[in-house]
Amino acid sequence: MAKQETIVGGIRPTNKLHVGNYLGALKQFVEISKHTDKTSFFFIVDLHALTTPFEPKELRQNILDATATYLAAGFDHKNSTLFIQSHVQEHSELAWIFSCITPLGELQRMTQYKRSPHNT
């Protein structure tokens, strides 16, 4: 029995989406969304956007605009799932669990962990 591939991707709604977002991610997300042989989940990564200074009203509008942009670009919502990160409470619950069990020293040894003045 062949394993079905699962793909997950997202875009932070920190500003208006631009051609770089389209070429770097959205174009591929739209292409993947049309495949019926893959399970795919794409989302608006609004909780991650909270790490960047923002105006609440602007962020709310950017979330709506990003969602509309996915659909306008041809995203196939019949084959793929499109959701807003903060609407799935398990994201926050899992982040809490990870933050409780992951030592800071372990994070600092990871190249993916970005050091900033706020997490030293």
PDB file of N, CA and C in Angstrom:
ATOM      1  N   MET A   1       0.838  -1.167   0.000  1.00  0.00           N
ATOM      2  CA  MET A   1       0.000   0.000   0.000  1.00  0.00           C
ATOM      3  C   MET A   1       0.899   1.251   0.000  1.00  0.00           C
ATOM      4  N   ALA A   2       0.694   2.130  -0.958  1.00  0.00           N
ATOM      5  CA  ALA A   2       1.503   3.348  -1.074  1.00  0.00           C
ATOM      6  C   ALA A   2       1.056   4.390  -0.056  1.00  0.00           C
ATOM      7  N   LYS A   3       2.049   5.077   0.496  1.00  0.00           N
ATOM      8  CA  LYS A   3       1.750   6.158   1.435  1.00  0.00           C
ATOM      9  C   LYS A   3       1.326   7.389   0.659  1.00  0.00           C
ATOM     10  N   GLN A   4       0.266   8.049   1.137  1.00  0.00           N
ATOM     11  CA  GLN A   4      -0.146   9.289   0.500  1.00  0.00           C
ATOM     12  C   GLN A   4       0.672  10.440   1.085  1.00  0.00           C
ATOM     13  N   GLU A   5       1.160  11.292   0.210  1.00  0.00           N
ATOM     14  CA  GLU A   5       1.966  12.432   0.621  1.00  0.00           C
ATOM     15  C   GLU A   5       1.070  13.506   1.254  1.00  0.00           C
ATOM     16  N   THR A   6       1.545  14.105   2.354  1.00  0.00           N
ATOM     17  CA  THR A   6       0.833  15.210   3.001  1.00  0.00           C
ATOM     18  C   THR A   6       1.716  16.443   2.943  1.00  0.00           C
ATOM     19  N   ILE A   7       1.139  17.539   2.510  1.00  0.00           N
ATOM     20  CA  ILE A   7       1.877  18.781   2.352  1.00  0.00           C
ATOM     21  C   ILE A   7       1.211  19.858   3.200  1.00  0.00           C
ATOM     22  N   VAL A   8       2.043  20.635   3.911  1.00  0.00           N
ATOM     23  CA  VAL A   8       1.547  21.727   4.748  1.00  0.00           C
ATOM     24  C   VAL A   8       2.350  22.976   4.415  1.00  0.00           C
ATOM     25  N   GLY A   9       1.669  24.106   4.263  1.00  0.00           N
ATOM     26  CA  GLY A   9       2.362  25.356   3.987  1.00  0.00           C
ATOM     27  C   GLY A   9       1.519  26.536   4.415  1.00  0.00           C
ATOM     28  N   GLY A  10       2.178  27.664   4.608  1.00  0.00           N
ATOM     29  CA  GLY A  10       1.430  28.841   5.022  1.00  0.00           C
ATOM     30  C   GLY A  10       2.167  30.129   4.724  1.00  0.00           C
ATOM     31  N   ILE A  11       1.420  31.224   4.823  1.00  0.00           N
ATOM     32  CA  ILE A  11       1.963  32.557   4.593  1.00  0.00           C
ATOM     33  C   ILE A  11       1.542  33.449   5.758  1.00  0.00           C
ATOM     34  N   ARG A  12       2.519  34.192   6.298  1.00  0.00           N
ATOM     35  CA  ARG A  12       2.225  35.139   7.381  1.00  0.00           C
ATOM     36  C   ARG A  12       1.565  36.391   6.798  1.00  0.00           C
ATOM     37  N   PRO A  13       0.474  36.838   7.384  1.00  0.00           N
ATOM     38  CA  PRO A  13      -0.216  38.028   6.862  1.00  0.00           C
ATOM     39  C   PRO A  13       0.306  39.324   7.490  1.00  0.00           C
ATOM     40  N   THR A  14       1.619  39.526   7.443  1.00  0.00           N
ATOM     41  CA  THR A  14       2.201  40.703   8.086  1.00  0.00           C
ATOM     42  C   THR A  14       2.021  41.973   7.257  1.00  0.00           C
ATOM     43  N   ASN A  15       1.878  41.844   5.961  1.00  0.00           N
ATOM     44  CA  ASN A  15       1.632  42.972   5.051  1.00  0.00           C
ATOM     45  C   ASN A  15       0.732  42.476   3.935  1.00  0.00           C
ATOM     46  N   LYS A  16       0.492  43.326   2.979  1.00  0.00           N
ATOM     47  CA  LYS A  16      -0.238  42.901   1.783  1.00  0.00           C
ATOM     48  C   LYS A  16       0.638  41.897   1.047  1.00  0.00           C
ATOM     49  N   LEU A  17       0.027  40.855   0.487  1.00  0.00           N
ATOM     50  CA  LEU A  17       0.797  39.889  -0.290  1.00  0.00           C
ATOM     51  C   LEU A  17       1.288  40.577  -1.565  1.00  0.00           C
ATOM     52  N   HIS A  18       2.468  40.152  -2.031  1.00  0.00           N
ATOM     53  CA  HIS A  18       3.089  40.776  -3.190  1.00  0.00           C
ATOM     54  C   HIS A  18       3.599  39.699  -4.134  1.00  0.00           C
ATOM     55  N   VAL A  19       4.207  40.112  -5.206  1.00  0.00           N
ATOM     56  CA  VAL A  19       4.669  39.172  -6.227  1.00  0.00           C
ATOM     57  C   VAL A  19       5.676  38.174  -5.657  1.00  0.00           C
ATOM     58  N   GLY A  20       6.478  38.589  -4.690  1.00  0.00           N
ATOM     59  CA  GLY A  20       7.421  37.675  -4.045  1.00  0.00           C
ATOM     60  C   GLY A  20       6.710  36.542  -3.323  1.00  0.00           C
ATOM     61  N   ASN A  21       5.597  36.868  -2.627  1.00  0.00           N
ATOM     62  CA  ASN A  21       4.797  35.829  -1.982  1.00  0.00           C
ATOM     63  C   ASN A  21       4.220  34.871  -3.016  1.00  0.00           C
ATOM     64  N   TYR A  22       3.757  35.457  -4.127  1.00  0.00           N
ATOM     65  CA  TYR A  22       3.167  34.633  -5.176  1.00  0.00           C
ATOM     66  C   TYR A  22       4.197  33.682  -5.775  1.00  0.00           C
ATOM     67  N   LEU A  23       5.339  34.230  -6.193  1.00  0.00           N
ATOM     68  CA  LEU A  23       6.361  33.395  -6.831  1.00  0.00           C
ATOM     69  C   LEU A  23       7.030  32.447  -5.842  1.00  0.00           C
ATOM     70  N   GLY A  24       7.205  32.881  -4.609  1.00  0.00           N
ATOM     71  CA  GLY A  24       7.917  32.075  -3.620  1.00  0.00           C
ATOM     72  C   GLY A  24       7.083  30.980  -2.984  1.00  0.00           C
ATOM     73  N   ALA A  25       5.778  31.176  -2.903  1.00  0.00           N
ATOM     74  CA  ALA A  25       4.962  30.182  -2.202  1.00  0.00           C
ATOM     75  C   ALA A  25       3.588  29.964  -2.834  1.00  0.00           C
ATOM     76  N   LEU A  26       2.830  31.033  -2.988  1.00  0.00           N
ATOM     77  CA  LEU A  26       1.429  30.890  -3.376  1.00  0.00           C
ATOM     78  C   LEU A  26       1.225  30.146  -4.694  1.00  0.00           C
ATOM     79  N   LYS A  27       2.062  30.428  -5.672  1.00  0.00           N
ATOM     80  CA  LYS A  27       1.944  29.755  -6.979  1.00  0.00           C
ATOM     81  C   LYS A  27       2.046  28.233  -6.802  1.00  0.00           C
ATOM     82  N   GLN A  28       3.017  27.792  -5.974  1.00  0.00           N
ATOM     83  CA  GLN A  28       3.180  26.356  -5.726  1.00  0.00           C
ATOM     84  C   GLN A  28       2.011  25.805  -4.905  1.00  0.00           C
ATOM     85  N   PHE A  29       1.520  26.588  -3.946  1.00  0.00           N
ATOM     86  CA  PHE A  29       0.382  26.142  -3.136  1.00  0.00           C
ATOM     87  C   PHE A  29      -0.839  25.902  -4.017  1.00  0.00           C
ATOM     88  N   VAL A  30      -1.087  26.822  -4.946  1.00  0.00           N
ATOM     89  CA  VAL A  30      -2.229  26.699  -5.855  1.00  0.00           C
ATOM     90  C   VAL A  30      -2.072  25.451  -6.722  1.00  0.00           C
ATOM     91  N   GLU A  31      -0.871  25.242  -7.239  1.00  0.00           N
ATOM     92  CA  GLU A  31      -0.591  24.064  -8.069  1.00  0.00           C
ATOM     93  C   GLU A  31      -0.842  22.766  -7.284  1.00  0.00           C
ATOM     94  N   ILE A  32      -0.317  22.708  -6.074  1.00  0.00           N
ATOM     95  CA  ILE A  32      -0.467  21.520  -5.230  1.00  0.00           C
ATOM     96  C   ILE A  32      -1.926  21.298  -4.862  1.00  0.00           C
ATOM     97  N   SER A  33      -2.671  22.385  -4.644  1.00  0.00           N
ATOM     98  CA  SER A  33      -4.070  22.264  -4.223  1.00  0.00           C
ATOM     99  C   SER A  33      -4.936  21.556  -5.254  1.00  0.00           C
ATOM    100  N   LYS A  34      -4.479  21.509  -6.480  1.00  0.00           N
ATOM    101  CA  LYS A  34      -5.255  20.887  -7.551  1.00  0.00           C
ATOM    102  C   LYS A  34      -5.017  19.383  -7.679  1.00  0.00           C
ATOM    103  N   HIS A  35      -4.037  18.848  -6.927  1.00  0.00           N
ATOM    104  CA  HIS A  35      -3.725  17.425  -6.975  1.00  0.00           C
ATOM    105  C   HIS A  35      -4.663  16.653  -6.061  1.00  0.00           C
ATOM    106  N   THR A  36      -5.350  15.679  -6.607  1.00  0.00           N
ATOM    107  CA  THR A  36      -6.245  14.866  -5.793  1.00  0.00           C
ATOM    108  C   THR A  36      -5.507  13.701  -5.144  1.00  0.00           C
ATOM    109  N   ASP A  37      -4.255  13.459  -5.558  1.00  0.00           N
ATOM    110  CA  ASP A  37      -3.496  12.337  -5.005  1.00  0.00           C
ATOM    111  C   ASP A  37      -2.661  12.738  -3.786  1.00  0.00           C
ATOM    112  N   LYS A  38      -2.780  13.993  -3.340  1.00  0.00           N
ATOM    113  CA  LYS A  38      -2.025  14.474  -2.180  1.00  0.00           C
ATOM    114  C   LYS A  38      -2.999  15.052  -1.157  1.00  0.00           C
ATOM    115  N   THR A  39      -2.647  14.916   0.105  1.00  0.00           N
ATOM    116  CA  THR A  39      -3.394  15.594   1.155  1.00  0.00           C
ATOM    117  C   THR A  39      -2.633  16.882   1.437  1.00  0.00           C
ATOM    118  N   SER A  40      -3.325  18.015   1.362  1.00  0.00           N
ATOM    119  CA  SER A  40      -2.619  19.271   1.578  1.00  0.00           C
ATOM    120  C   SER A  40      -3.422  20.225   2.451  1.00  0.00           C
ATOM    121  N   PHE A  41      -2.676  20.923   3.290  1.00  0.00           N
ATOM    122  CA  PHE A  41      -3.233  21.906   4.207  1.00  0.00           C
ATOM    123  C   PHE A  41      -2.431  23.189   4.038  1.00  0.00           C
ATOM    124  N   PHE A  42      -3.117  24.277   3.738  1.00  0.00           N
ATOM    125  CA  PHE A  42      -2.466  25.571   3.596  1.00  0.00           C
ATOM    126  C   PHE A  42      -3.192  26.545   4.507  1.00  0.00           C
ATOM    127  N   PHE A  43      -2.408  27.442   5.099  1.00  0.00           N
ATOM    128  CA  PHE A  43      -3.051  28.306   6.071  1.00  0.00           C
ATOM    129  C   PHE A  43      -2.471  29.701   6.131  1.00  0.00           C
ATOM    130  N   ILE A  44      -3.252  30.580   6.705  1.00  0.00           N
ATOM    131  CA  ILE A  44      -2.831  31.941   6.987  1.00  0.00           C
ATOM    132  C   ILE A  44      -2.224  31.879   8.389  1.00  0.00           C
ATOM    133  N   VAL A  45      -0.936  32.145   8.489  1.00  0.00           N
ATOM    134  CA  VAL A  45      -0.176  31.914   9.716  1.00  0.00           C
ATOM    135  C   VAL A  45      -0.253  33.163  10.603  1.00  0.00           C
ATOM    136  N   ASP A  46      -1.462  33.462  11.088  1.00  0.00           N
ATOM    137  CA  ASP A  46      -1.676  34.700  11.825  1.00  0.00           C
ATOM    138  C   ASP A  46      -1.075  34.695  13.231  1.00  0.00           C
ATOM    139  N   LEU A  47      -0.962  33.550  13.876  1.00  0.00           N
ATOM    140  CA  LEU A  47      -0.338  33.518  15.198  1.00  0.00           C
ATOM    141  C   LEU A  47       1.152  33.834  15.090  1.00  0.00           C
ATOM    142  N   HIS A  48       1.803  33.375  14.036  1.00  0.00           N
ATOM    143  CA  HIS A  48       3.212  33.696  13.821  1.00  0.00           C
ATOM    144  C   HIS A  48       3.389  35.193  13.512  1.00  0.00           C
ATOM    145  N   ALA A  49       2.372  35.801  12.942  1.00  0.00           N
ATOM    146  CA  ALA A  49       2.442  37.229  12.629  1.00  0.00           C
ATOM    147  C   ALA A  49       2.486  38.081  13.892  1.00  0.00           C
ATOM    148  N   LEU A  50       2.100  37.524  15.020  1.00  0.00           N
ATOM    149  CA  LEU A  50       2.099  38.273  16.279  1.00  0.00           C
ATOM    150  C   LEU A  50       3.510  38.564  16.777  1.00  0.00           C
ATOM    151  N   THR A  51       4.518  37.930  16.195  1.00  0.00           N
ATOM    152  CA  THR A  51       5.902  38.167  16.607  1.00  0.00           C
ATOM    153  C   THR A  51       6.494  39.409  15.946  1.00  0.00           C
ATOM    154  N   THR A  52       5.756  40.015  15.036  1.00  0.00           N
ATOM    155  CA  THR A  52       6.168  41.221  14.333  1.00  0.00           C
ATOM    156  C   THR A  52       5.249  42.358  14.780  1.00  0.00           C
ATOM    157  N   PRO A  53       5.771  43.556  15.028  1.00  0.00           N
ATOM    158  CA  PRO A  53       4.881  44.661  15.414  1.00  0.00           C
ATOM    159  C   PRO A  53       3.728  44.813  14.417  1.00  0.00           C
ATOM    160  N   PHE A  54       2.527  45.036  14.941  1.00  0.00           N
ATOM    161  CA  PHE A  54       1.351  45.121  14.072  1.00  0.00           C
ATOM    162  C   PHE A  54       0.280  46.006  14.692  1.00  0.00           C
ATOM    163  N   GLU A  55      -0.604  46.462  13.832  1.00  0.00           N
ATOM    164  CA  GLU A  55      -1.813  47.159  14.248  1.00  0.00           C
ATOM    165  C   GLU A  55      -2.943  46.136  14.141  1.00  0.00           C
ATOM    166  N   PRO A  56      -3.696  45.909  15.210  1.00  0.00           N
ATOM    167  CA  PRO A  56      -4.742  44.868  15.177  1.00  0.00           C
ATOM    168  C   PRO A  56      -5.708  44.985  14.002  1.00  0.00           C
ATOM    169  N   LYS A  57      -6.173  46.189  13.718  1.00  0.00           N
ATOM    170  CA  LYS A  57      -7.123  46.374  12.614  1.00  0.00           C
ATOM    171  C   LYS A  57      -6.482  45.993  11.281  1.00  0.00           C
ATOM    172  N   GLU A  58      -5.215  46.394  11.110  1.00  0.00           N
ATOM    173  CA  GLU A  58      -4.480  46.079   9.884  1.00  0.00           C
ATOM    174  C   GLU A  58      -4.260  44.569   9.741  1.00  0.00           C
ATOM    175  N   LEU A  59      -3.895  43.906  10.836  1.00  0.00           N
ATOM    176  CA  LEU A  59      -3.672  42.457  10.789  1.00  0.00           C
ATOM    177  C   LEU A  59      -4.954  41.724  10.407  1.00  0.00           C
ATOM    178  N   ARG A  60      -6.076  42.136  11.005  1.00  0.00           N
ATOM    179  CA  ARG A  60      -7.363  41.500  10.653  1.00  0.00           C
ATOM    180  C   ARG A  60      -7.648  41.644   9.166  1.00  0.00           C
ATOM    181  N   GLN A  61      -7.393  42.837   8.619  1.00  0.00           N
ATOM    182  CA  GLN A  61      -7.634  43.057   7.193  1.00  0.00           C
ATOM    183  C   GLN A  61      -6.661  42.236   6.346  1.00  0.00           C
ATOM    184  N   ASN A  62      -5.401  42.156   6.764  1.00  0.00           N
ATOM    185  CA  ASN A  62      -4.416  41.363   6.022  1.00  0.00           C
ATOM    186  C   ASN A  62      -4.799  39.879   5.987  1.00  0.00           C
ATOM    187  N   ILE A  63      -5.388  39.386   7.072  1.00  0.00           N
ATOM    188  CA  ILE A  63      -5.842  37.985   7.111  1.00  0.00           C
ATOM    189  C   ILE A  63      -6.927  37.762   6.066  1.00  0.00           C
ATOM    190  N   LEU A  64      -7.895  38.669   6.018  1.00  0.00           N
ATOM    191  CA  LEU A  64      -8.973  38.558   5.024  1.00  0.00           C
ATOM    192  C   LEU A  64      -8.413  38.687   3.604  1.00  0.00           C
ATOM    193  N   ASP A  65      -7.508  39.645   3.415  1.00  0.00           N
ATOM    194  CA  ASP A  65      -6.920  39.849   2.084  1.00  0.00           C
ATOM    195  C   ASP A  65      -6.110  38.633   1.636  1.00  0.00           C
ATOM    196  N   ALA A  66      -5.346  38.048   2.549  1.00  0.00           N
ATOM    197  CA  ALA A  66      -4.535  36.870   2.195  1.00  0.00           C
ATOM    198  C   ALA A  66      -5.438  35.700   1.812  1.00  0.00           C
ATOM    199  N   THR A  67      -6.523  35.524   2.555  1.00  0.00           N
ATOM    200  CA  THR A  67      -7.468  34.445   2.241  1.00  0.00           C
ATOM    201  C   THR A  67      -8.076  34.662   0.858  1.00  0.00           C
ATOM    202  N   ALA A  68      -8.491  35.892   0.585  1.00  0.00           N
ATOM    203  CA  ALA A  68      -9.062  36.215  -0.726  1.00  0.00           C
ATOM    204  C   ALA A  68      -8.031  36.007  -1.835  1.00  0.00           C
ATOM    205  N   THR A  69      -6.768  36.330  -1.555  1.00  0.00           N
ATOM    206  CA  THR A  69      -5.709  36.175  -2.557  1.00  0.00           C
ATOM    207  C   THR A  69      -5.483  34.708  -2.899  1.00  0.00           C
ATOM    208  N   TYR A  70      -5.488  33.825  -1.881  1.00  0.00           N
ATOM    209  CA  TYR A  70      -5.383  32.388  -2.144  1.00  0.00           C
ATOM    210  C   TYR A  70      -6.461  31.977  -3.149  1.00  0.00           C
ATOM    211  N   LEU A  71      -7.699  32.373  -2.881  1.00  0.00           N
ATOM    212  CA  LEU A  71      -8.816  31.962  -3.730  1.00  0.00           C
ATOM    213  C   LEU A  71      -8.743  32.608  -5.109  1.00  0.00           C
ATOM    214  N   ALA A  72      -8.367  33.882  -5.164  1.00  0.00           N
ATOM    215  CA  ALA A  72      -8.269  34.582  -6.451  1.00  0.00           C
ATOM    216  C   ALA A  72      -7.151  34.005  -7.315  1.00  0.00           C
ATOM    217  N   ALA A  73      -6.119  33.462  -6.671  1.00  0.00           N
ATOM    218  CA  ALA A  73      -4.992  32.882  -7.423  1.00  0.00           C
ATOM    219  C   ALA A  73      -5.338  31.509  -7.987  1.00  0.00           C
ATOM    220  N   GLY A  74      -6.507  30.980  -7.622  1.00  0.00           N
ATOM    221  CA  GLY A  74      -6.937  29.690  -8.171  1.00  0.00           C
ATOM    222  C   GLY A  74      -6.845  28.528  -7.215  1.00  0.00           C
ATOM    223  N   PHE A  75      -6.669  28.789  -5.919  1.00  0.00           N
ATOM    224  CA  PHE A  75      -6.590  27.717  -4.928  1.00  0.00           C
ATOM    225  C   PHE A  75      -7.841  26.849  -5.007  1.00  0.00           C
ATOM    226  N   ASP A  76      -7.647  25.537  -5.058  1.00  0.00           N
ATOM    227  CA  ASP A  76      -8.769  24.593  -5.158  1.00  0.00           C
ATOM    228  C   ASP A  76      -9.156  24.099  -3.769  1.00  0.00           C
ATOM    229  N   HIS A  77     -10.168  24.726  -3.195  1.00  0.00           N
ATOM    230  CA  HIS A  77     -10.598  24.378  -1.838  1.00  0.00           C
ATOM    231  C   HIS A  77     -11.357  23.050  -1.775  1.00  0.00           C
ATOM    232  N   LYS A  78     -11.651  22.451  -2.907  1.00  0.00           N
ATOM    233  CA  LYS A  78     -12.325  21.141  -2.906  1.00  0.00           C
ATOM    234  C   LYS A  78     -11.329  20.010  -2.679  1.00  0.00           C
ATOM    235  N   ASN A  79     -10.085  20.205  -3.096  1.00  0.00           N
ATOM    236  CA  ASN A  79      -9.051  19.178  -2.943  1.00  0.00           C
ATOM    237  C   ASN A  79      -8.125  19.429  -1.768  1.00  0.00           C
ATOM    238  N   SER A  80      -8.030  20.669  -1.319  1.00  0.00           N
ATOM    239  CA  SER A  80      -7.096  21.044  -0.260  1.00  0.00           C
ATOM    240  C   SER A  80      -7.824  21.827   0.825  1.00  0.00           C
ATOM    241  N   THR A  81      -7.227  21.850   1.991  1.00  0.00           N
ATOM    242  CA  THR A  81      -7.803  22.585   3.105  1.00  0.00           C
ATOM    243  C   THR A  81      -7.090  23.924   3.249  1.00  0.00           C
ATOM    244  N   LEU A  82      -7.865  24.983   3.362  1.00  0.00           N
ATOM    245  CA  LEU A  82      -7.350  26.318   3.607  1.00  0.00           C
ATOM    246  C   LEU A  82      -7.951  26.796   4.922  1.00  0.00           C
ATOM    247  N   PHE A  83      -7.096  27.233   5.865  1.00  0.00           N
ATOM    248  CA  PHE A  83      -7.618  27.662   7.160  1.00  0.00           C
ATOM    249  C   PHE A  83      -6.772  28.773   7.752  1.00  0.00           C
ATOM    250  N   ILE A  84      -7.317  29.403   8.773  1.00  0.00           N
ATOM    251  CA  ILE A  84      -6.615  30.451   9.513  1.00  0.00           C
ATOM    252  C   ILE A  84      -6.090  29.816  10.790  1.00  0.00           C
ATOM    253  N   GLN A  85      -4.792  29.945  11.012  1.00  0.00           N
ATOM    254  CA  GLN A  85      -4.116  29.261  12.114  1.00  0.00           C
ATOM    255  C   GLN A  85      -4.799  29.476  13.458  1.00  0.00           C
ATOM    256  N   SER A  86      -5.160  30.705  13.796  1.00  0.00           N
ATOM    257  CA  SER A  86      -5.736  30.994  15.111  1.00  0.00           C
ATOM    258  C   SER A  86      -7.123  30.392  15.293  1.00  0.00           C
ATOM    259  N   HIS A  87      -7.745  29.928  14.223  1.00  0.00           N
ATOM    260  CA  HIS A  87      -9.060  29.308  14.326  1.00  0.00           C
ATOM    261  C   HIS A  87      -8.979  27.834  14.706  1.00  0.00           C
ATOM    262  N   VAL A  88      -7.756  27.305  14.785  1.00  0.00           N
ATOM    263  CA  VAL A  88      -7.548  25.911  15.177  1.00  0.00           C
ATOM    264  C   VAL A  88      -6.843  25.930  16.531  1.00  0.00           C
ATOM    265  N   GLN A  89      -7.600  25.757  17.600  1.00  0.00           N
ATOM    266  CA  GLN A  89      -7.040  25.926  18.944  1.00  0.00           C
ATOM    267  C   GLN A  89      -5.925  24.943  19.261  1.00  0.00           C
ATOM    268  N   GLU A  90      -5.863  23.840  18.574  1.00  0.00           N
ATOM    269  CA  GLU A  90      -4.801  22.862  18.812  1.00  0.00           C
ATOM    270  C   GLU A  90      -3.411  23.421  18.511  1.00  0.00           C
ATOM    271  N   HIS A  91      -3.324  24.413  17.626  1.00  0.00           N
ATOM    272  CA  HIS A  91      -2.021  25.044  17.352  1.00  0.00           C
ATOM    273  C   HIS A  91      -1.473  25.670  18.624  1.00  0.00           C
ATOM    274  N   SER A  92      -2.294  26.425  19.310  1.00  0.00           N
ATOM    275  CA  SER A  92      -1.862  27.083  20.551  1.00  0.00           C
ATOM    276  C   SER A  92      -1.599  26.063  21.653  1.00  0.00           C
ATOM    277  N   GLU A  93      -2.442  25.052  21.733  1.00  0.00           N
ATOM    278  CA  GLU A  93      -2.260  24.017  22.757  1.00  0.00           C
ATOM    279  C   GLU A  93      -0.941  23.278  22.552  1.00  0.00           C
ATOM    280  N   LEU A  94      -0.634  22.929  21.311  1.00  0.00           N
ATOM    281  CA  LEU A  94       0.612  22.225  21.018  1.00  0.00           C
ATOM    282  C   LEU A  94       1.822  23.125  21.276  1.00  0.00           C
ATOM    283  N   ALA A  95       1.705  24.409  20.927  1.00  0.00           N
ATOM    284  CA  ALA A  95       2.800  25.346  21.200  1.00  0.00           C
ATOM    285  C   ALA A  95       3.071  25.422  22.700  1.00  0.00           C
ATOM    286  N   TRP A  96       2.021  25.422  23.506  1.00  0.00           N
ATOM    287  CA  TRP A  96       2.187  25.459  24.965  1.00  0.00           C
ATOM    288  C   TRP A  96       2.909  24.200  25.447  1.00  0.00           C
ATOM    289  N   ILE A  97       2.500  23.059  24.952  1.00  0.00           N
ATOM    290  CA  ILE A  97       3.135  21.797  25.351  1.00  0.00           C
ATOM    291  C   ILE A  97       4.612  21.811  24.967  1.00  0.00           C
ATOM    292  N   PHE A  98       4.908  22.210  23.722  1.00  0.00           N
ATOM    293  CA  PHE A  98       6.307  22.264  23.278  1.00  0.00           C
ATOM    294  C   PHE A  98       7.126  23.242  24.114  1.00  0.00           C
ATOM    295  N   SER A  99       6.544  24.390  24.452  1.00  0.00           N
ATOM    296  CA  SER A  99       7.302  25.381  25.227  1.00  0.00           C
ATOM    297  C   SER A  99       7.589  24.879  26.642  1.00  0.00           C
ATOM    298  N   CYS A 100       6.755  23.989  27.128  1.00  0.00           N
ATOM    299  CA  CYS A 100       6.965  23.429  28.470  1.00  0.00           C
ATOM    300  C   CYS A 100       8.024  22.332  28.494  1.00  0.00           C
ATOM    301  N   ILE A 101       8.213  21.645  27.382  1.00  0.00           N
ATOM    302  CA  ILE A 101       9.118  20.495  27.392  1.00  0.00           C
ATOM    303  C   ILE A 101      10.407  20.703  26.603  1.00  0.00           C
ATOM    304  N   THR A 102      10.543  21.861  25.923  1.00  0.00           N
ATOM    305  CA  THR A 102      11.732  22.104  25.111  1.00  0.00           C
ATOM    306  C   THR A 102      12.658  23.069  25.838  1.00  0.00           C
ATOM    307  N   PRO A 103      13.825  22.608  26.283  1.00  0.00           N
ATOM    308  CA  PRO A 103      14.761  23.498  26.974  1.00  0.00           C
ATOM    309  C   PRO A 103      15.346  24.547  26.030  1.00  0.00           C
ATOM    310  N   LEU A 104      15.587  25.741  26.544  1.00  0.00           N
ATOM    311  CA  LEU A 104      16.140  26.833  25.745  1.00  0.00           C
ATOM    312  C   LEU A 104      17.484  26.444  25.134  1.00  0.00           C
ATOM    313  N   GLY A 105      18.325  25.724  25.877  1.00  0.00           N
ATOM    314  CA  GLY A 105      19.616  25.287  25.344  1.00  0.00           C
ATOM    315  C   GLY A 105      19.461  24.442  24.093  1.00  0.00           C
ATOM    316  N   GLU A 106      18.450  23.607  24.073  1.00  0.00           N
ATOM    317  CA  GLU A 106      18.175  22.765  22.900  1.00  0.00           C
ATOM    318  C   GLU A 106      17.791  23.647  21.707  1.00  0.00           C
ATOM    319  N   LEU A 107      16.957  24.638  21.946  1.00  0.00           N
ATOM    320  CA  LEU A 107      16.558  25.551  20.875  1.00  0.00           C
ATOM    321  C   LEU A 107      17.753  26.313  20.318  1.00  0.00           C
ATOM    322  N   GLN A 108      18.630  26.781  21.195  1.00  0.00           N
ATOM    323  CA  GLN A 108      19.766  27.584  20.757  1.00  0.00           C
ATOM    324  C   GLN A 108      20.765  26.789  19.924  1.00  0.00           C
ATOM    325  N   ARG A 109      20.709  25.485  19.973  1.00  0.00           N
ATOM    326  CA  ARG A 109      21.584  24.653  19.138  1.00  0.00           C
ATOM    327  C   ARG A 109      20.993  24.401  17.753  1.00  0.00           C
ATOM    328  N   MET A 110      19.764  24.848  17.535  1.00  0.00           N
ATOM    329  CA  MET A 110      19.099  24.642  16.246  1.00  0.00           C
ATOM    330  C   MET A 110      19.341  25.830  15.326  1.00  0.00           C
ATOM    331  N   THR A 111      19.688  25.549  14.066  1.00  0.00           N
ATOM    332  CA  THR A 111      19.902  26.641  13.115  1.00  0.00           C
ATOM    333  C   THR A 111      18.582  27.340  12.770  1.00  0.00           C
ATOM    334  N   GLN A 112      17.453  26.639  12.911  1.00  0.00           N
ATOM    335  CA  GLN A 112      16.160  27.226  12.571  1.00  0.00           C
ATOM    336  C   GLN A 112      15.697  28.231  13.618  1.00  0.00           C
ATOM    337  N   TYR A 113      16.228  28.123  14.841  1.00  0.00           N
ATOM    338  CA  TYR A 113      15.827  29.017  15.930  1.00  0.00           C
ATOM    339  C   TYR A 113      16.542  30.342  15.749  1.00  0.00           C
ATOM    340  N   LYS A 114      15.774  31.396  15.548  1.00  0.00           N
ATOM    341  CA  LYS A 114      16.372  32.710  15.288  1.00  0.00           C
ATOM    342  C   LYS A 114      16.549  33.471  16.583  1.00  0.00           C
ATOM    343  N   ARG A 115      17.784  33.812  16.865  1.00  0.00           N
ATOM    344  CA  ARG A 115      18.072  34.606  18.057  1.00  0.00           C
ATOM    345  C   ARG A 115      17.765  36.062  17.794  1.00  0.00           C
ATOM    346  N   SER A 116      17.132  36.679  18.738  1.00  0.00           N
ATOM    347  CA  SER A 116      16.892  38.108  18.684  1.00  0.00           C
ATOM    348  C   SER A 116      17.076  38.646  20.095  1.00  0.00           C
ATOM    349  N   PRO A 117      17.084  39.958  20.267  1.00  0.00           N
ATOM    350  CA  PRO A 117      17.254  40.501  21.621  1.00  0.00           C
ATOM    351  C   PRO A 117      16.143  40.040  22.558  1.00  0.00           C
ATOM    352  N   HIS A 118      15.004  39.624  21.990  1.00  0.00           N
ATOM    353  CA  HIS A 118      13.866  39.209  22.819  1.00  0.00           C
ATOM    354  C   HIS A 118      13.966  37.783  23.335  1.00  0.00           C
ATOM    355  N   ASN A 119      14.807  36.939  22.730  1.00  0.00           N
ATOM    356  CA  ASN A 119      14.883  35.548  23.185  1.00  0.00           C
ATOM    357  C   ASN A 119      16.308  35.140  23.584  1.00  0.00           C
ATOM    358  N   THR A 120      17.061  36.059  24.136  1.00  0.00           N
ATOM    359  CA  THR A 120      18.414  35.712  24.601  1.00  0.00           C
ATOM    360  C   THR A 120      18.387  35.325  26.062  1.00  0.00           C
TER     361      THR A 120
END
